[in-house]
Amino acid sequence: MDPNDFADGERSAEGLLERFFSVESASGALVFVRPVMKDIVKAYRELMRLRTERQELALALGSAARLEDLSGRIEQKVDRLKELHRELVDVGCEPKDLVGGLVDFPALFEGRKVWLCWKLGEPEVAYWHEIHEGFAGRQPIDAEFCRRVRESLPVEVERIGLR
């Protein structure tokens, strides 16, 4: 499955493809995003456990070999998290909370960029918020919002049938 199948986009002034999602395409992307986010939450939890273990061992003047082993395992977890993060960014979404599994998808609404918001455990993308608001600013998505987001997608997207 190609991550680029989910987002619609247009070229920015710098020539980069800026991706925007409809509510439907963001929910469709969850087939890919959900398992990656589950892996991120699990890897992050393990990373925090390893860091705590290393810190406790260092304070207790523990074995240098054990400290080195923990440091190596921590480095592997960090590399894995970077890899998983890149997978989500390549889809066009942005991981926001590695503990709770929060992900935002960029969308256009009434001429401005907003976030479509999804959290691990939710069945679909059902909330949105302004760019500078966080989780606390989430608002429920209704049919009118969906329609207006679809209408805000770039004209090029409409021509090739991606709405």
Protein backbone atom coordinates (compact mmCIF):
# COMPACT_ATOMS: atom_id res chain seq x y z
CA MET A 1 0.00 0.00 0.00
CA ASP A 2 1.44 3.35 -1.04
CA PRO A 3 1.18 6.02 1.68
CA ASN A 4 0.70 8.66 -1.03
CA ASP A 5 -2.68 7.14 -1.95
CA PHE A 6 -4.41 8.91 0.92
CA ALA A 7 -3.69 12.63 0.71
CA ASP A 8 -4.58 15.16 -1.95
CA GLY A 9 -2.23 18.04 -2.50
CA GLU A 10 -0.96 21.06 -4.29
CA ARG A 11 2.47 22.54 -4.86
CA SER A 12 3.63 25.15 -2.38
CA ALA A 13 5.61 28.24 -3.42
CA GLU A 14 8.79 26.22 -2.79
CA GLY A 15 7.64 23.52 -5.20
CA LEU A 16 7.01 21.00 -2.44
CA LEU A 17 3.82 19.00 -2.42
CA GLU A 18 1.68 20.16 0.47
CA ARG A 19 -0.87 17.48 1.31
CA PHE A 20 -4.40 17.98 2.48
CA PHE A 21 -6.95 15.41 3.51
CA SER A 22 -10.69 15.25 3.25
CA VAL A 23 -12.35 13.69 6.29
CA GLU A 24 -12.99 10.58 4.21
CA SER A 25 -9.40 10.25 2.98
CA ALA A 26 -8.05 10.77 6.53
CA SER A 27 -10.33 8.03 7.85
CA GLY A 28 -9.28 5.82 4.93
CA ALA A 29 -5.62 6.38 5.81
CA LEU A 30 -6.24 4.86 9.25
CA VAL A 31 -5.82 1.42 7.67
CA PHE A 32 -2.14 2.33 7.42
CA VAL A 33 -1.82 4.85 10.27
CA ARG A 34 -3.46 2.81 13.06
CA PRO A 35 -0.94 -0.08 13.17
CA VAL A 36 2.01 2.29 12.79
CA MET A 37 0.72 4.42 15.67
CA LYS A 38 0.22 1.29 17.80
CA ASP A 39 3.87 0.40 17.15
CA ILE A 40 4.96 3.94 18.03
CA VAL A 41 3.08 3.94 21.35
CA LYS A 42 4.53 0.53 22.24
CA ALA A 43 8.10 1.48 21.22
CA TYR A 44 7.89 4.79 23.09
CA ARG A 45 6.66 3.08 26.26
CA GLU A 46 9.57 0.61 25.99
CA LEU A 47 12.03 3.46 25.38
CA MET A 48 10.88 5.24 28.53
CA ARG A 49 11.20 2.00 30.52
CA LEU A 50 14.74 1.44 29.24
CA ARG A 51 15.76 5.02 30.02
CA THR A 52 14.42 4.73 33.56
CA GLU A 53 16.23 1.41 34.02
CA ARG A 54 19.49 2.91 32.74
CA GLN A 55 19.14 5.95 35.01
CA GLU A 56 18.47 3.80 38.08
CA LEU A 57 21.40 1.54 37.24
CA ALA A 58 23.72 4.53 36.75
CA LEU A 59 22.67 6.03 40.11
CA ALA A 60 23.33 2.70 41.81
CA LEU A 61 26.76 2.53 40.14
CA GLY A 62 25.69 -0.59 38.29
CA SER A 63 27.60 -2.74 35.87
CA ALA A 64 29.28 -0.87 33.02
CA ALA A 65 28.45 -3.74 30.67
CA ARG A 66 24.76 -3.56 31.60
CA LEU A 67 24.76 0.22 31.14
CA GLU A 68 26.33 -0.19 27.71
CA ASP A 69 23.74 -2.82 26.78
CA LEU A 70 20.89 -0.55 27.87
CA SER A 71 22.36 2.37 25.94
CA GLY A 72 22.52 0.24 22.81
CA ARG A 73 18.92 -0.90 23.23
CA ILE A 74 17.83 2.70 23.79
CA GLU A 75 19.59 3.77 20.59
CA GLN A 76 17.80 0.99 18.69
CA LYS A 77 14.41 2.13 20.06
CA VAL A 78 15.12 5.74 19.12
CA ASP A 79 16.06 4.64 15.59
CA ARG A 80 12.86 2.58 15.35
CA LEU A 81 10.74 5.50 16.55
CA LYS A 82 12.33 7.76 13.94
CA GLU A 83 11.56 5.18 11.27
CA LEU A 84 7.92 4.85 12.35
CA HIS A 85 7.54 8.63 12.62
CA ARG A 86 8.86 8.99 9.06
CA GLU A 87 6.26 6.48 7.84
CA LEU A 88 3.46 8.66 9.21
CA VAL A 89 4.98 11.87 7.90
CA ASP A 90 5.30 10.24 4.46
CA VAL A 91 1.54 9.58 4.51
CA GLY A 92 1.04 13.29 5.15
CA CYS A 93 -0.10 13.19 8.77
CA GLU A 94 1.67 14.40 11.87
CA PRO A 95 2.08 12.37 15.06
CA LYS A 96 1.40 14.64 18.05
CA ASP A 97 1.41 12.45 21.18
CA LEU A 98 3.49 9.28 21.41
CA VAL A 99 1.91 8.23 24.72
CA GLY A 100 -1.76 8.54 23.75
CA GLY A 101 -1.41 7.90 20.03
CA LEU A 102 -2.63 11.27 18.77
CA VAL A 103 -2.30 12.08 15.05
CA ASP A 104 -3.30 15.17 13.06
CA PHE A 105 -4.08 15.30 9.34
CA PRO A 106 -3.82 18.65 7.52
CA ALA A 107 -7.00 19.86 5.82
CA LEU A 108 -8.32 23.07 4.29
CA PHE A 109 -11.44 24.64 5.73
CA GLU A 110 -12.80 27.99 4.59
CA GLY A 111 -9.46 28.91 3.05
CA ARG A 112 -7.29 28.10 6.05
CA LYS A 113 -5.31 25.09 7.16
CA VAL A 114 -6.83 23.10 10.04
CA TRP A 115 -6.09 19.73 11.62
CA LEU A 116 -8.31 16.67 11.37
CA CYS A 117 -7.63 14.94 14.66
CA TRP A 118 -7.57 11.22 15.49
CA LYS A 119 -6.51 9.35 18.60
CA LEU A 120 -5.60 5.69 18.88
CA GLY A 121 -8.73 3.77 19.88
CA GLU A 122 -11.14 6.00 17.95
CA PRO A 123 -12.86 4.17 15.07
CA GLU A 124 -12.54 7.03 12.56
CA VAL A 125 -11.43 10.64 12.20
CA ALA A 126 -14.28 12.42 13.97
CA TYR A 127 -12.73 15.67 15.29
CA TRP A 128 -10.91 18.72 14.03
CA HIS A 129 -9.19 21.77 15.51
CA GLU A 130 -7.53 24.98 14.46
CA ILE A 131 -3.78 24.85 13.76
CA HIS A 132 -2.79 26.66 16.97
CA GLU A 133 -5.17 24.76 19.23
CA GLY A 134 -4.37 21.39 20.64
CA PHE A 135 -6.35 18.38 21.76
CA ALA A 136 -8.44 20.53 24.12
CA GLY A 137 -9.71 22.53 21.12
CA ARG A 138 -11.11 19.51 19.31
CA GLN A 139 -14.55 19.96 17.78
CA PRO A 140 -16.78 17.18 16.43
CA ILE A 141 -16.94 16.79 12.67
CA ASP A 142 -20.40 16.96 11.12
CA ALA A 143 -21.66 16.47 7.54
CA GLU A 144 -21.48 20.21 6.79
CA PHE A 145 -17.84 20.37 7.89
CA CYS A 146 -17.05 17.35 5.67
CA ARG A 147 -18.68 19.01 2.67
CA ARG A 148 -16.84 22.29 3.20
CA VAL A 149 -13.49 20.54 3.58
CA ARG A 150 -14.09 18.63 0.33
CA GLU A 151 -14.97 21.90 -1.41
CA SER A 152 -11.75 23.48 -0.12
CA LEU A 153 -9.51 20.90 -1.79
CA PRO A 154 -7.39 22.25 -4.64
CA VAL A 155 -9.03 22.44 -8.08
CA GLU A 156 -6.39 20.08 -9.53
CA VAL A 157 -7.63 17.40 -7.17
CA GLU A 158 -11.19 17.79 -8.42
CA ARG A 159 -10.08 17.44 -12.06
CA ILE A 160 -8.44 14.09 -11.49
CA GLY A 161 -11.27 12.77 -9.33
CA LEU A 162 -9.55 12.59 -5.94
CA ARG A 163 -12.24 14.34 -3.93
